[in-house]
Amino acid sequence: MGKVLLAVWLLLPSVAFAAPDLRGRTFLSVEGPTGKAGKSGAPVLKSITALYDVNMRNGMHVDVMPQFHFIAPNGNAVLLHRELVETDSAITQAGIRNARIAISPALQRAGATISGGWPCGPGRYHVTMRAWLEDSGGNRGNAIQYTIHCHELLMY
């Protein structure tokens, strides 16, 4: 009986404190433009790229830092909208935040970048979102759809 209890006790810590399986890759993919083109003169979202494993200025660690590259012909972009399209996780639209734009009009006209941040946490999942810009007149620019893949296994 003592040997059985010892064997069970030795197995319990590995089950109770199992680390998440993070062998998959974390990356951002861009599906491209969606919907109709933005209104003439509205800010144009040109592309989305990403940095990985970043410590932000506020000390927060993010696994993926999407970078939204845009140009605002009138220099008046005020908001980056993000809309949840699809996910295989428990994330809802309520957990997705828009971002205020505090970039000078001159830089917006020349071309600027807004950085986001996504801490994946321990789960394996993906989140597909649609992003677009809005100017101070309420005009909506074009939309680009992108997906953040957290610890996903790649199939070849």
C-alpha atoms as a PDB file:
ATOM      1  CA  MET A   1       0.000   0.000   0.000  1.00  0.00           C
ATOM      2  CA  GLY A   2       2.847   2.389   0.835  1.00  0.00           C
ATOM      3  CA  LYS A   3       4.394   1.889  -2.624  1.00  0.00           C
ATOM      4  CA  VAL A   4       1.079   2.653  -4.315  1.00  0.00           C
ATOM      5  CA  LEU A   5       0.627   5.876  -2.314  1.00  0.00           C
ATOM      6  CA  LEU A   6       4.198   6.917  -3.071  1.00  0.00           C
ATOM      7  CA  ALA A   7       3.643   6.308  -6.801  1.00  0.00           C
ATOM      8  CA  VAL A   8       0.407   8.346  -6.756  1.00  0.00           C
ATOM      9  CA  TRP A   9       2.076  11.137  -4.789  1.00  0.00           C
ATOM     10  CA  LEU A  10       4.954  11.301  -7.289  1.00  0.00           C
ATOM     11  CA  LEU A  11       2.497  11.617 -10.185  1.00  0.00           C
ATOM     12  CA  LEU A  12       0.288  14.297  -8.624  1.00  0.00           C
ATOM     13  CA  PRO A  13       2.676  17.260  -8.791  1.00  0.00           C
ATOM     14  CA  SER A  14       3.199  16.826 -12.515  1.00  0.00           C
ATOM     15  CA  VAL A  15      -0.558  16.702 -13.099  1.00  0.00           C
ATOM     16  CA  ALA A  16      -1.512  19.467 -10.662  1.00  0.00           C
ATOM     17  CA  PHE A  17       1.199  21.868 -11.816  1.00  0.00           C
ATOM     18  CA  ALA A  18       1.449  21.015 -15.499  1.00  0.00           C
ATOM     19  CA  ALA A  19       2.827  23.901 -17.531  1.00  0.00           C
ATOM     20  CA  PRO A  20       0.832  25.000 -20.569  1.00  0.00           C
ATOM     21  CA  ASP A  21       2.010  23.588 -23.883  1.00  0.00           C
ATOM     22  CA  LEU A  22       3.565  26.599 -25.603  1.00  0.00           C
ATOM     23  CA  ARG A  23       5.436  24.737 -28.337  1.00  0.00           C
ATOM     24  CA  GLY A  24       3.408  26.410 -31.085  1.00  0.00           C
ATOM     25  CA  ARG A  25       4.293  29.697 -32.786  1.00  0.00           C
ATOM     26  CA  THR A  26       2.901  33.102 -31.964  1.00  0.00           C
ATOM     27  CA  PHE A  27       2.508  35.301 -35.011  1.00  0.00           C
ATOM     28  CA  LEU A  28       0.335  37.809 -36.853  1.00  0.00           C
ATOM     29  CA  SER A  29      -1.120  37.163 -40.293  1.00  0.00           C
ATOM     30  CA  VAL A  30      -2.811  39.758 -42.481  1.00  0.00           C
ATOM     31  CA  GLU A  31      -5.731  38.651 -44.623  1.00  0.00           C
ATOM     32  CA  GLY A  32      -5.931  42.004 -46.383  1.00  0.00           C
ATOM     33  CA  PRO A  33      -8.533  44.657 -47.148  1.00  0.00           C
ATOM     34  CA  THR A  34     -12.188  43.949 -46.400  1.00  0.00           C
ATOM     35  CA  GLY A  35     -15.369  45.787 -47.291  1.00  0.00           C
ATOM     36  CA  LYS A  36     -15.630  48.914 -49.367  1.00  0.00           C
ATOM     37  CA  ALA A  37     -12.982  51.573 -49.731  1.00  0.00           C
ATOM     38  CA  GLY A  38     -12.996  54.457 -47.283  1.00  0.00           C
ATOM     39  CA  LYS A  39     -14.508  57.847 -48.054  1.00  0.00           C
ATOM     40  CA  SER A  40     -12.352  60.191 -50.114  1.00  0.00           C
ATOM     41  CA  GLY A  41     -10.004  62.145 -47.818  1.00  0.00           C
ATOM     42  CA  ALA A  42     -10.476  59.683 -44.940  1.00  0.00           C
ATOM     43  CA  PRO A  43      -7.393  58.146 -43.293  1.00  0.00           C
ATOM     44  CA  VAL A  44      -5.920  55.186 -45.188  1.00  0.00           C
ATOM     45  CA  LEU A  45      -4.699  52.123 -43.326  1.00  0.00           C
ATOM     46  CA  LYS A  46      -1.798  51.033 -45.562  1.00  0.00           C
ATOM     47  CA  SER A  47      -0.566  47.868 -43.831  1.00  0.00           C
ATOM     48  CA  ILE A  48      -0.233  45.965 -40.571  1.00  0.00           C
ATOM     49  CA  THR A  49       3.067  44.492 -39.421  1.00  0.00           C
ATOM     50  CA  ALA A  50       4.169  43.155 -36.036  1.00  0.00           C
ATOM     51  CA  LEU A  51       6.947  43.062 -33.474  1.00  0.00           C
ATOM     52  CA  TYR A  52       7.208  40.097 -31.106  1.00  0.00           C
ATOM     53  CA  ASP A  53       8.067  39.559 -27.433  1.00  0.00           C
ATOM     54  CA  VAL A  54       8.078  43.271 -26.544  1.00  0.00           C
ATOM     55  CA  ASN A  55       8.208  45.047 -23.202  1.00  0.00           C
ATOM     56  CA  MET A  56       6.142  48.206 -23.558  1.00  0.00           C
ATOM     57  CA  ARG A  57       7.003  51.582 -21.982  1.00  0.00           C
ATOM     58  CA  ASN A  58       4.525  50.942 -19.170  1.00  0.00           C
ATOM     59  CA  GLY A  59       6.349  47.691 -18.289  1.00  0.00           C
ATOM     60  CA  MET A  60       3.689  45.397 -19.717  1.00  0.00           C
ATOM     61  CA  HIS A  61       4.970  42.432 -21.743  1.00  0.00           C
ATOM     62  CA  VAL A  62       3.164  41.669 -25.010  1.00  0.00           C
ATOM     63  CA  ASP A  63       3.714  38.663 -27.233  1.00  0.00           C
ATOM     64  CA  VAL A  64       2.538  40.468 -30.372  1.00  0.00           C
ATOM     65  CA  MET A  65       2.709  44.208 -31.016  1.00  0.00           C
ATOM     66  CA  PRO A  66       0.670  44.962 -34.148  1.00  0.00           C
ATOM     67  CA  GLN A  67       1.820  48.088 -35.938  1.00  0.00           C
ATOM     68  CA  PHE A  68      -0.813  49.906 -37.981  1.00  0.00           C
ATOM     69  CA  HIS A  69       0.808  51.970 -40.763  1.00  0.00           C
ATOM     70  CA  PHE A  70      -1.392  54.742 -42.121  1.00  0.00           C
ATOM     71  CA  ILE A  71      -1.586  58.060 -43.883  1.00  0.00           C
ATOM     72  CA  ALA A  72      -4.212  60.719 -43.178  1.00  0.00           C
ATOM     73  CA  PRO A  73      -4.356  63.210 -46.079  1.00  0.00           C
ATOM     74  CA  ASN A  74      -6.046  65.817 -43.867  1.00  0.00           C
ATOM     75  CA  GLY A  75      -3.955  65.034 -40.765  1.00  0.00           C
ATOM     76  CA  ASN A  76      -7.074  64.499 -38.666  1.00  0.00           C
ATOM     77  CA  ALA A  77      -7.190  60.761 -37.779  1.00  0.00           C
ATOM     78  CA  VAL A  78      -8.483  60.438 -34.214  1.00  0.00           C
ATOM     79  CA  LEU A  79      -9.371  56.771 -33.621  1.00  0.00           C
ATOM     80  CA  LEU A  80      -8.223  53.277 -34.575  1.00  0.00           C
ATOM     81  CA  HIS A  81     -11.213  50.925 -34.449  1.00  0.00           C
ATOM     82  CA  ARG A  82     -10.827  47.176 -33.863  1.00  0.00           C
ATOM     83  CA  GLU A  83     -13.695  44.775 -34.408  1.00  0.00           C
ATOM     84  CA  LEU A  84     -13.710  41.095 -33.431  1.00  0.00           C
ATOM     85  CA  VAL A  85     -14.448  38.960 -36.500  1.00  0.00           C
ATOM     86  CA  GLU A  86     -13.827  35.415 -35.233  1.00  0.00           C
ATOM     87  CA  THR A  87     -11.972  33.492 -32.519  1.00  0.00           C
ATOM     88  CA  ASP A  88     -11.690  30.008 -31.076  1.00  0.00           C
ATOM     89  CA  SER A  89     -11.247  31.453 -27.567  1.00  0.00           C
ATOM     90  CA  ALA A  90     -13.502  33.029 -24.953  1.00  0.00           C
ATOM     91  CA  ILE A  91     -12.491  36.558 -26.016  1.00  0.00           C
ATOM     92  CA  THR A  92     -15.439  38.851 -26.814  1.00  0.00           C
ATOM     93  CA  GLN A  93     -15.760  42.279 -28.455  1.00  0.00           C
ATOM     94  CA  ALA A  94     -15.909  43.779 -24.952  1.00  0.00           C
ATOM     95  CA  GLY A  95     -12.260  42.719 -24.505  1.00  0.00           C
ATOM     96  CA  ILE A  96     -11.118  44.431 -27.716  1.00  0.00           C
ATOM     97  CA  ARG A  97     -10.179  48.098 -27.324  1.00  0.00           C
ATOM     98  CA  ASN A  98     -10.092  50.935 -29.795  1.00  0.00           C
ATOM     99  CA  ALA A  99      -7.135  53.327 -29.625  1.00  0.00           C
ATOM    100  CA  ARG A 100      -7.129  57.128 -29.596  1.00  0.00           C
ATOM    101  CA  ILE A 101      -4.627  58.655 -32.011  1.00  0.00           C
ATOM    102  CA  ALA A 102      -2.352  61.365 -30.608  1.00  0.00           C
ATOM    103  CA  ILE A 103      -0.046  61.976 -33.579  1.00  0.00           C
ATOM    104  CA  SER A 104       0.588  65.427 -35.036  1.00  0.00           C
ATOM    105  CA  PRO A 105      -1.234  66.363 -38.249  1.00  0.00           C
ATOM    106  CA  ALA A 106       2.080  66.806 -40.100  1.00  0.00           C
ATOM    107  CA  LEU A 107       3.218  63.266 -39.221  1.00  0.00           C
ATOM    108  CA  GLN A 108      -0.190  61.868 -40.162  1.00  0.00           C
ATOM    109  CA  ARG A 109       0.003  63.503 -43.584  1.00  0.00           C
ATOM    110  CA  ALA A 110       3.543  62.144 -44.109  1.00  0.00           C
ATOM    111  CA  GLY A 111       2.660  58.646 -42.846  1.00  0.00           C
ATOM    112  CA  ALA A 112       2.597  57.361 -39.283  1.00  0.00           C
ATOM    113  CA  THR A 113       2.326  54.188 -37.210  1.00  0.00           C
ATOM    114  CA  ILE A 114       0.091  53.266 -34.272  1.00  0.00           C
ATOM    115  CA  SER A 115       1.303  50.382 -32.105  1.00  0.00           C
ATOM    116  CA  GLY A 116      -0.987  47.974 -30.299  1.00  0.00           C
ATOM    117  CA  GLY A 117      -0.180  45.161 -27.904  1.00  0.00           C
ATOM    118  CA  TRP A 118      -1.437  41.611 -27.332  1.00  0.00           C
ATOM    119  CA  PRO A 119      -0.383  39.418 -24.390  1.00  0.00           C
ATOM    120  CA  CYS A 120      -1.219  35.862 -25.437  1.00  0.00           C
ATOM    121  CA  GLY A 121      -1.209  34.284 -21.978  1.00  0.00           C
ATOM    122  CA  PRO A 122      -0.979  30.510 -21.624  1.00  0.00           C
ATOM    123  CA  GLY A 123      -3.650  29.388 -24.101  1.00  0.00           C
ATOM    124  CA  ARG A 124      -3.436  28.213 -27.697  1.00  0.00           C
ATOM    125  CA  TYR A 125      -5.916  30.221 -29.775  1.00  0.00           C
ATOM    126  CA  HIS A 126      -6.370  32.767 -32.556  1.00  0.00           C
ATOM    127  CA  VAL A 127      -8.259  36.053 -32.777  1.00  0.00           C
ATOM    128  CA  THR A 128      -9.284  37.565 -36.122  1.00  0.00           C
ATOM    129  CA  MET A 129     -10.000  41.291 -36.121  1.00  0.00           C
ATOM    130  CA  ARG A 130     -10.844  44.048 -38.566  1.00  0.00           C
ATOM    131  CA  ALA A 131      -9.189  47.456 -38.121  1.00  0.00           C
ATOM    132  CA  TRP A 132      -9.989  50.852 -39.622  1.00  0.00           C
ATOM    133  CA  LEU A 133      -9.348  54.516 -38.894  1.00  0.00           C
ATOM    134  CA  GLU A 134     -11.783  57.348 -38.270  1.00  0.00           C
ATOM    135  CA  ASP A 135     -11.110  61.045 -38.679  1.00  0.00           C
ATOM    136  CA  SER A 136     -12.398  64.000 -36.648  1.00  0.00           C
ATOM    137  CA  GLY A 137     -15.301  64.413 -39.097  1.00  0.00           C
ATOM    138  CA  GLY A 138     -16.516  60.861 -38.436  1.00  0.00           C
ATOM    139  CA  ASN A 139     -15.313  59.609 -41.824  1.00  0.00           C
ATOM    140  CA  ARG A 140     -14.347  55.952 -41.862  1.00  0.00           C
ATOM    141  CA  GLY A 141     -11.274  54.783 -43.773  1.00  0.00           C
ATOM    142  CA  ASN A 142     -10.642  51.413 -45.398  1.00  0.00           C
ATOM    143  CA  ALA A 143     -10.543  48.234 -43.274  1.00  0.00           C
ATOM    144  CA  ILE A 144      -7.870  45.531 -43.045  1.00  0.00           C
ATOM    145  CA  GLN A 145      -8.489  42.115 -41.487  1.00  0.00           C
ATOM    146  CA  TYR A 146      -5.735  40.423 -39.484  1.00  0.00           C
ATOM    147  CA  THR A 147      -5.289  37.453 -37.139  1.00  0.00           C
ATOM    148  CA  ILE A 148      -3.177  37.045 -34.024  1.00  0.00           C
ATOM    149  CA  HIS A 149      -2.183  33.400 -33.541  1.00  0.00           C
ATOM    150  CA  CYS A 150      -1.127  32.526 -29.994  1.00  0.00           C
ATOM    151  CA  HIS A 151       0.995  29.398 -29.547  1.00  0.00           C
ATOM    152  CA  GLU A 152      -0.613  27.759 -32.574  1.00  0.00           C
ATOM    153  CA  LEU A 153       0.869  24.660 -34.108  1.00  0.00           C
ATOM    154  CA  LEU A 154       1.686  24.988 -37.783  1.00  0.00           C
ATOM    155  CA  MET A 155       0.751  22.139 -40.090  1.00  0.00           C
ATOM    156  CA  TYR A 156       2.962  21.462 -43.093  1.00  0.00           C
END
